N, C-alpha and C. Protein backbone atom coordinates (compact mmCIF):
# COMPACT_ATOMS: atom_id res chain seq x y z
N MET A 1 210.50 -22.95 9.11
CA MET A 1 210.08 -23.77 8.00
C MET A 1 209.81 -25.18 8.49
N LEU A 2 208.92 -25.83 7.81
CA LEU A 2 208.52 -27.18 8.21
C LEU A 2 208.43 -28.06 6.98
N ASN A 3 209.07 -29.20 7.03
CA ASN A 3 208.99 -30.18 5.95
C ASN A 3 208.71 -31.52 6.62
N SER A 4 207.43 -31.83 6.78
CA SER A 4 207.04 -33.06 7.44
C SER A 4 205.87 -33.67 6.69
N ILE A 5 205.93 -34.98 6.51
CA ILE A 5 204.88 -35.67 5.78
C ILE A 5 204.64 -37.01 6.46
N ILE A 6 203.35 -37.40 6.50
CA ILE A 6 202.97 -38.69 7.05
C ILE A 6 202.05 -39.36 6.04
N ILE A 7 202.37 -40.59 5.69
CA ILE A 7 201.51 -41.36 4.77
C ILE A 7 201.26 -42.73 5.36
N MET A 8 200.17 -43.34 4.93
CA MET A 8 199.87 -44.71 5.33
C MET A 8 199.32 -45.43 4.10
N GLY A 9 199.85 -46.60 3.83
CA GLY A 9 199.40 -47.37 2.68
C GLY A 9 200.06 -48.73 2.68
N ARG A 10 200.05 -49.36 1.51
CA ARG A 10 200.61 -50.71 1.38
C ARG A 10 201.85 -50.71 0.50
N LEU A 11 202.82 -51.54 0.87
CA LEU A 11 204.03 -51.69 0.05
C LEU A 11 203.67 -52.37 -1.26
N THR A 12 204.23 -51.87 -2.36
CA THR A 12 203.94 -52.43 -3.68
C THR A 12 204.88 -53.58 -4.03
N ALA A 13 205.96 -53.74 -3.28
CA ALA A 13 206.93 -54.81 -3.51
C ALA A 13 207.72 -55.04 -2.22
N ASP A 14 208.40 -56.17 -2.13
CA ASP A 14 209.28 -56.41 -0.98
C ASP A 14 210.42 -55.41 -0.99
N PRO A 15 210.72 -54.80 0.16
CA PRO A 15 211.89 -53.90 0.22
C PRO A 15 213.18 -54.71 0.13
N GLU A 16 214.16 -54.17 -0.56
CA GLU A 16 215.47 -54.83 -0.67
C GLU A 16 216.51 -53.99 0.03
N LEU A 17 217.19 -54.59 0.98
CA LEU A 17 218.22 -53.91 1.74
C LEU A 17 219.51 -53.87 0.93
N ARG A 18 220.09 -52.69 0.83
CA ARG A 18 221.38 -52.50 0.16
C ARG A 18 222.32 -51.77 1.12
N SER A 19 223.58 -51.69 0.76
CA SER A 19 224.56 -50.94 1.54
C SER A 19 225.32 -50.01 0.63
N THR A 20 225.63 -48.82 1.16
CA THR A 20 226.46 -47.89 0.41
C THR A 20 227.91 -48.38 0.48
N SER A 21 228.79 -47.74 -0.27
CA SER A 21 230.20 -48.13 -0.24
C SER A 21 230.82 -47.91 1.13
N SER A 22 230.22 -47.01 1.92
CA SER A 22 230.72 -46.77 3.27
C SER A 22 230.04 -47.66 4.32
N GLY A 23 229.14 -48.55 3.86
CA GLY A 23 228.53 -49.51 4.76
C GLY A 23 227.19 -49.11 5.36
N LEU A 24 226.61 -47.98 4.95
CA LEU A 24 225.31 -47.56 5.48
C LEU A 24 224.19 -48.39 4.84
N SER A 25 223.25 -48.84 5.65
CA SER A 25 222.09 -49.57 5.14
C SER A 25 221.11 -48.59 4.51
N VAL A 26 220.52 -48.99 3.38
CA VAL A 26 219.51 -48.17 2.70
C VAL A 26 218.53 -49.10 2.00
N THR A 27 217.27 -48.72 2.02
CA THR A 27 216.27 -49.44 1.25
C THR A 27 215.30 -48.44 0.64
N SER A 28 214.85 -48.75 -0.55
CA SER A 28 213.85 -47.93 -1.23
C SER A 28 212.62 -48.79 -1.44
N PHE A 29 211.46 -48.19 -1.29
CA PHE A 29 210.21 -48.91 -1.51
C PHE A 29 209.14 -47.91 -1.91
N THR A 30 208.07 -48.43 -2.45
CA THR A 30 206.96 -47.59 -2.88
C THR A 30 205.73 -47.94 -2.06
N VAL A 31 205.02 -46.90 -1.62
CA VAL A 31 203.81 -47.08 -0.84
C VAL A 31 202.61 -46.64 -1.68
N ALA A 32 201.63 -47.52 -1.83
CA ALA A 32 200.38 -47.20 -2.53
C ALA A 32 199.43 -46.60 -1.51
N VAL A 33 199.02 -45.34 -1.77
CA VAL A 33 198.16 -44.60 -0.85
C VAL A 33 196.87 -44.22 -1.58
N ASP A 34 195.75 -44.71 -1.07
CA ASP A 34 194.46 -44.35 -1.66
C ASP A 34 194.13 -42.90 -1.31
N ARG A 35 193.60 -42.18 -2.28
CA ARG A 35 193.12 -40.83 -2.02
C ARG A 35 191.84 -40.92 -1.23
N GLY A 36 191.59 -39.93 -0.41
CA GLY A 36 190.44 -39.95 0.49
C GLY A 36 189.13 -39.56 -0.16
N TYR A 37 189.13 -39.32 -1.44
CA TYR A 37 187.90 -38.89 -2.10
C TYR A 37 187.85 -39.45 -3.51
N ALA A 38 186.67 -39.44 -4.08
CA ALA A 38 186.48 -39.83 -5.47
C ALA A 38 185.30 -39.05 -6.01
N ARG A 39 185.38 -38.65 -7.24
CA ARG A 39 184.24 -37.97 -7.87
C ARG A 39 183.10 -38.97 -8.05
N THR A 40 181.91 -38.45 -8.06
CA THR A 40 180.74 -39.29 -8.24
C THR A 40 180.86 -40.09 -9.54
N GLY A 41 180.67 -41.39 -9.42
CA GLY A 41 180.75 -42.27 -10.58
C GLY A 41 182.15 -42.74 -10.92
N GLU A 42 183.16 -42.27 -10.21
CA GLU A 42 184.54 -42.69 -10.48
C GLU A 42 185.06 -43.52 -9.31
N GLU A 43 186.03 -44.37 -9.61
CA GLU A 43 186.68 -45.13 -8.56
C GLU A 43 187.71 -44.24 -7.86
N ARG A 44 187.98 -44.56 -6.62
CA ARG A 44 188.99 -43.83 -5.86
C ARG A 44 190.36 -44.06 -6.51
N LYS A 45 191.17 -43.02 -6.58
CA LYS A 45 192.49 -43.12 -7.20
C LYS A 45 193.54 -43.46 -6.14
N THR A 46 194.64 -43.99 -6.61
CA THR A 46 195.74 -44.36 -5.73
C THR A 46 197.00 -43.65 -6.19
N ASP A 47 197.76 -43.11 -5.24
CA ASP A 47 199.06 -42.52 -5.52
C ASP A 47 200.14 -43.51 -5.10
N PHE A 48 201.20 -43.56 -5.89
CA PHE A 48 202.33 -44.45 -5.60
C PHE A 48 203.52 -43.57 -5.22
N ILE A 49 203.89 -43.62 -3.94
CA ILE A 49 204.84 -42.67 -3.38
C ILE A 49 206.15 -43.39 -3.05
N PRO A 50 207.26 -42.93 -3.67
CA PRO A 50 208.56 -43.54 -3.36
C PRO A 50 209.09 -43.08 -2.00
N VAL A 51 209.69 -44.03 -1.28
CA VAL A 51 210.23 -43.77 0.05
C VAL A 51 211.64 -44.34 0.12
N VAL A 52 212.53 -43.63 0.82
CA VAL A 52 213.89 -44.10 1.07
C VAL A 52 214.10 -44.12 2.58
N ALA A 53 214.61 -45.23 3.10
CA ALA A 53 214.93 -45.35 4.52
C ALA A 53 216.41 -45.67 4.66
N TRP A 54 217.03 -45.08 5.66
CA TRP A 54 218.46 -45.25 5.90
C TRP A 54 218.72 -45.89 7.26
N ARG A 55 219.89 -46.44 7.41
CA ARG A 55 220.44 -46.99 8.65
C ARG A 55 219.50 -48.00 9.30
N GLN A 56 219.23 -47.83 10.62
CA GLN A 56 218.42 -48.81 11.35
C GLN A 56 216.98 -48.87 10.83
N THR A 57 216.47 -47.73 10.34
CA THR A 57 215.12 -47.74 9.79
C THR A 57 215.07 -48.63 8.56
N ALA A 58 216.10 -48.59 7.73
CA ALA A 58 216.18 -49.46 6.55
C ALA A 58 216.24 -50.93 6.98
N ASP A 59 217.04 -51.23 7.99
CA ASP A 59 217.13 -52.60 8.50
C ASP A 59 215.76 -53.08 8.99
N PHE A 60 215.08 -52.22 9.75
CA PHE A 60 213.77 -52.53 10.31
C PHE A 60 212.75 -52.83 9.21
N VAL A 61 212.69 -51.96 8.21
CA VAL A 61 211.72 -52.13 7.12
C VAL A 61 211.99 -53.41 6.35
N SER A 62 213.26 -53.65 6.00
CA SER A 62 213.57 -54.83 5.20
C SER A 62 213.35 -56.13 5.97
N LYS A 63 213.45 -56.07 7.28
CA LYS A 63 213.28 -57.28 8.09
C LYS A 63 211.80 -57.61 8.34
N TYR A 64 210.96 -56.61 8.54
CA TYR A 64 209.60 -56.86 9.01
C TYR A 64 208.48 -56.54 8.02
N PHE A 65 208.77 -55.96 6.87
CA PHE A 65 207.72 -55.60 5.92
C PHE A 65 207.89 -56.35 4.61
N ARG A 66 206.76 -56.68 3.99
CA ARG A 66 206.74 -57.39 2.71
C ARG A 66 205.71 -56.74 1.81
N LYS A 67 205.70 -57.13 0.56
CA LYS A 67 204.72 -56.64 -0.39
C LYS A 67 203.31 -56.82 0.20
N GLY A 68 202.51 -55.77 0.14
CA GLY A 68 201.16 -55.80 0.67
C GLY A 68 201.04 -55.39 2.12
N SER A 69 202.17 -55.31 2.84
CA SER A 69 202.12 -54.90 4.24
C SER A 69 201.62 -53.47 4.35
N MET A 70 200.77 -53.21 5.35
CA MET A 70 200.32 -51.87 5.64
C MET A 70 201.41 -51.19 6.46
N ILE A 71 201.76 -49.96 6.08
CA ILE A 71 202.85 -49.25 6.73
C ILE A 71 202.48 -47.78 6.88
N ALA A 72 202.91 -47.18 7.97
CA ALA A 72 202.81 -45.74 8.17
C ALA A 72 204.23 -45.19 8.13
N VAL A 73 204.43 -44.13 7.38
CA VAL A 73 205.76 -43.53 7.22
C VAL A 73 205.69 -42.07 7.60
N GLN A 74 206.60 -41.64 8.45
CA GLN A 74 206.74 -40.23 8.79
C GLN A 74 208.13 -39.80 8.36
N GLY A 75 208.21 -38.70 7.66
CA GLY A 75 209.50 -38.23 7.19
C GLY A 75 209.41 -36.87 6.55
N SER A 76 210.33 -36.60 5.64
CA SER A 76 210.36 -35.31 4.95
C SER A 76 210.39 -35.55 3.44
N LEU A 77 209.82 -34.59 2.72
CA LEU A 77 209.79 -34.67 1.27
C LEU A 77 211.08 -34.09 0.72
N GLN A 78 211.67 -34.80 -0.23
CA GLN A 78 212.93 -34.36 -0.84
C GLN A 78 212.79 -34.43 -2.35
N SER A 79 213.38 -33.46 -3.03
CA SER A 79 213.38 -33.49 -4.49
C SER A 79 214.82 -33.60 -4.98
N ARG A 80 214.97 -34.25 -6.12
CA ARG A 80 216.30 -34.37 -6.76
C ARG A 80 216.13 -34.05 -8.23
N SER A 81 217.07 -33.34 -8.78
CA SER A 81 217.07 -33.06 -10.21
C SER A 81 218.08 -33.99 -10.88
N TYR A 82 217.75 -34.43 -12.08
CA TYR A 82 218.67 -35.28 -12.83
C TYR A 82 218.36 -35.15 -14.31
N GLU A 83 219.26 -35.67 -15.11
CA GLU A 83 219.07 -35.69 -16.56
C GLU A 83 218.78 -37.12 -16.99
N ASP A 84 217.70 -37.31 -17.76
CA ASP A 84 217.39 -38.66 -18.23
C ASP A 84 218.32 -39.03 -19.39
N LYS A 85 218.18 -40.24 -19.90
CA LYS A 85 219.10 -40.72 -20.94
C LYS A 85 218.96 -39.95 -22.25
N ASN A 86 217.87 -39.19 -22.41
CA ASN A 86 217.70 -38.37 -23.61
C ASN A 86 218.16 -36.92 -23.41
N GLY A 87 218.73 -36.64 -22.23
CA GLY A 87 219.24 -35.30 -21.95
C GLY A 87 218.20 -34.33 -21.41
N ASN A 88 216.99 -34.82 -21.12
CA ASN A 88 215.94 -33.96 -20.56
C ASN A 88 216.12 -33.82 -19.05
N LYS A 89 215.91 -32.61 -18.53
CA LYS A 89 215.99 -32.40 -17.09
C LYS A 89 214.71 -32.91 -16.45
N ARG A 90 214.88 -33.66 -15.38
CA ARG A 90 213.75 -34.24 -14.65
C ARG A 90 213.89 -33.93 -13.16
N VAL A 91 212.78 -33.99 -12.48
CA VAL A 91 212.78 -33.84 -11.03
C VAL A 91 212.07 -35.05 -10.44
N ALA A 92 212.66 -35.64 -9.43
CA ALA A 92 212.06 -36.78 -8.73
C ALA A 92 211.78 -36.36 -7.29
N TYR A 93 210.64 -36.78 -6.78
CA TYR A 93 210.27 -36.50 -5.39
C TYR A 93 210.18 -37.82 -4.65
N GLU A 94 210.64 -37.82 -3.39
CA GLU A 94 210.58 -39.01 -2.56
C GLU A 94 210.53 -38.61 -1.10
N ILE A 95 210.02 -39.50 -0.29
CA ILE A 95 210.00 -39.27 1.15
C ILE A 95 211.24 -39.91 1.74
N ILE A 96 211.93 -39.17 2.58
CA ILE A 96 213.03 -39.72 3.37
C ILE A 96 212.44 -40.08 4.73
N ALA A 97 212.36 -41.37 5.02
CA ALA A 97 211.67 -41.86 6.22
C ALA A 97 212.48 -41.59 7.47
N ASP A 98 211.82 -41.00 8.46
CA ASP A 98 212.40 -40.84 9.79
C ASP A 98 211.90 -41.93 10.72
N GLN A 99 210.61 -42.28 10.57
CA GLN A 99 210.00 -43.32 11.38
C GLN A 99 209.04 -44.13 10.51
N VAL A 100 208.94 -45.40 10.80
CA VAL A 100 207.95 -46.26 10.16
C VAL A 100 207.25 -47.05 11.25
N SER A 101 205.99 -47.40 11.00
CA SER A 101 205.20 -48.14 11.98
C SER A 101 204.35 -49.18 11.28
N PHE A 102 204.07 -50.27 11.99
CA PHE A 102 203.14 -51.27 11.51
C PHE A 102 201.73 -50.71 11.61
N CYS A 103 200.86 -51.11 10.71
CA CYS A 103 199.45 -50.72 10.73
C CYS A 103 198.61 -51.94 10.39
N GLY A 104 197.35 -51.91 10.74
CA GLY A 104 196.46 -52.99 10.37
C GLY A 104 196.61 -54.19 11.27
N SER A 105 195.96 -55.27 10.86
CA SER A 105 195.99 -56.51 11.63
C SER A 105 196.73 -57.59 10.86
N LYS A 106 196.95 -58.71 11.51
CA LYS A 106 197.60 -59.83 10.83
C LYS A 106 196.82 -60.24 9.60
N ALA A 107 195.51 -60.30 9.72
CA ALA A 107 194.66 -60.73 8.60
C ALA A 107 194.75 -59.76 7.44
N GLU A 108 194.85 -58.45 7.74
CA GLU A 108 194.89 -57.44 6.68
C GLU A 108 196.24 -57.38 5.97
N SER A 109 197.32 -57.42 6.75
CA SER A 109 198.62 -57.15 6.14
C SER A 109 199.58 -58.32 6.14
N GLY A 110 199.32 -59.32 6.96
CA GLY A 110 200.22 -60.46 7.02
C GLY A 110 201.46 -60.19 7.86
N THR A 111 201.54 -59.01 8.50
CA THR A 111 202.73 -58.71 9.29
C THR A 111 202.43 -58.61 10.77
N GLY A 112 201.19 -58.50 11.16
CA GLY A 112 200.85 -58.39 12.57
C GLY A 112 200.54 -56.97 12.96
N ASN A 113 200.04 -56.82 14.17
CA ASN A 113 199.64 -55.51 14.67
C ASN A 113 200.64 -55.10 15.75
N TYR A 114 201.54 -54.22 15.42
CA TYR A 114 202.63 -53.83 16.30
C TYR A 114 202.59 -52.33 16.55
N ASP A 115 201.43 -51.81 16.92
CA ASP A 115 201.29 -50.37 17.06
C ASP A 115 202.31 -49.76 18.00
N SER A 116 202.79 -50.51 19.00
CA SER A 116 203.71 -49.94 19.96
C SER A 116 205.17 -50.07 19.54
N VAL A 117 205.44 -50.70 18.42
CA VAL A 117 206.82 -50.91 17.97
C VAL A 117 207.18 -49.88 16.91
N SER A 118 208.28 -49.21 17.10
CA SER A 118 208.76 -48.25 16.11
C SER A 118 210.24 -48.46 15.91
N PRO A 119 210.81 -47.94 14.83
CA PRO A 119 212.24 -48.11 14.61
C PRO A 119 213.08 -47.55 15.74
N SER A 120 212.59 -46.51 16.44
CA SER A 120 213.39 -45.95 17.52
C SER A 120 213.59 -46.98 18.63
N SER A 121 212.56 -47.78 18.94
CA SER A 121 212.74 -48.81 19.95
C SER A 121 213.63 -49.93 19.40
N TYR A 122 213.53 -50.19 18.11
CA TYR A 122 214.36 -51.20 17.46
C TYR A 122 215.80 -50.72 17.38
N ASN A 123 216.02 -49.44 17.03
CA ASN A 123 217.36 -48.89 16.84
C ASN A 123 218.19 -48.94 18.11
N ASN A 124 217.56 -48.66 19.24
CA ASN A 124 218.31 -48.50 20.48
C ASN A 124 218.23 -49.73 21.37
N SER A 125 217.78 -50.83 20.86
CA SER A 125 217.57 -52.01 21.67
C SER A 125 218.38 -53.18 21.14
N SER A 126 218.66 -54.06 22.06
CA SER A 126 219.25 -55.33 21.64
C SER A 126 218.12 -56.23 21.18
N ALA A 127 218.45 -57.35 20.60
CA ALA A 127 217.43 -58.29 20.14
C ALA A 127 216.58 -58.76 21.32
N ASP A 128 217.19 -58.95 22.49
CA ASP A 128 216.44 -59.38 23.67
C ASP A 128 215.44 -58.33 24.10
N ASP A 129 215.84 -57.04 24.07
CA ASP A 129 214.93 -55.95 24.43
C ASP A 129 213.76 -55.90 23.45
N PHE A 130 214.04 -56.07 22.17
CA PHE A 130 212.99 -56.00 21.16
C PHE A 130 212.01 -57.15 21.34
N ALA A 131 212.51 -58.31 21.69
CA ALA A 131 211.64 -59.47 21.90
C ALA A 131 210.68 -59.23 23.05
N SER A 132 211.08 -58.43 24.05
CA SER A 132 210.18 -58.16 25.17
C SER A 132 209.05 -57.22 24.77
N VAL A 133 209.21 -56.44 23.71
CA VAL A 133 208.17 -55.53 23.25
C VAL A 133 207.16 -56.28 22.39
N VAL A 134 207.63 -57.21 21.58
CA VAL A 134 206.78 -57.96 20.67
C VAL A 134 206.75 -59.41 21.12
N GLU A 135 205.56 -59.92 21.34
CA GLU A 135 205.41 -61.31 21.76
C GLU A 135 205.70 -62.24 20.59
N ASP A 136 206.21 -63.43 20.87
CA ASP A 136 206.52 -64.41 19.83
C ASP A 136 205.29 -64.74 18.99
N ASP A 137 204.11 -64.78 19.62
CA ASP A 137 202.88 -65.10 18.91
C ASP A 137 202.52 -64.04 17.87
N ASP A 138 203.05 -62.83 18.04
CA ASP A 138 202.74 -61.73 17.12
C ASP A 138 203.63 -61.70 15.89
N LEU A 139 204.77 -62.39 15.94
CA LEU A 139 205.71 -62.32 14.83
C LEU A 139 205.16 -63.06 13.62
N PRO A 140 205.42 -62.52 12.42
CA PRO A 140 204.85 -63.10 11.21
C PRO A 140 205.58 -64.34 10.72
N PHE A 141 206.56 -64.84 11.44
CA PHE A 141 207.33 -65.99 10.98
C PHE A 141 207.54 -66.96 12.10
């Protein structure tokens, strides 16, 4: 069985880093993804896809991405069932991010072009190691 999904789009809001009661970092964000087609005479539609990132990936996203940033997300699709406040059963779908990457250019996204930087290099590196991958001139701040 295979449960793998890759999306690329723009963040609809700044990600907010939170912590669980056990201290795990988590952030939720929504990615606006344009559909690759449109019917004749219609505008292209956009899907708004919820994403959840945990641990170092959550830290990475909350530190380097902002509203409007172009992002690529690789992960798995997860569904959750719940009851709304009216007692109706609902199902929510979201992507659990395994990897995130920068996309686009500084002019397009305001975050820079860091195609070679991924959370895995961020997760396993010290701040000094990470600085050697990304030049100071490339940082958005």
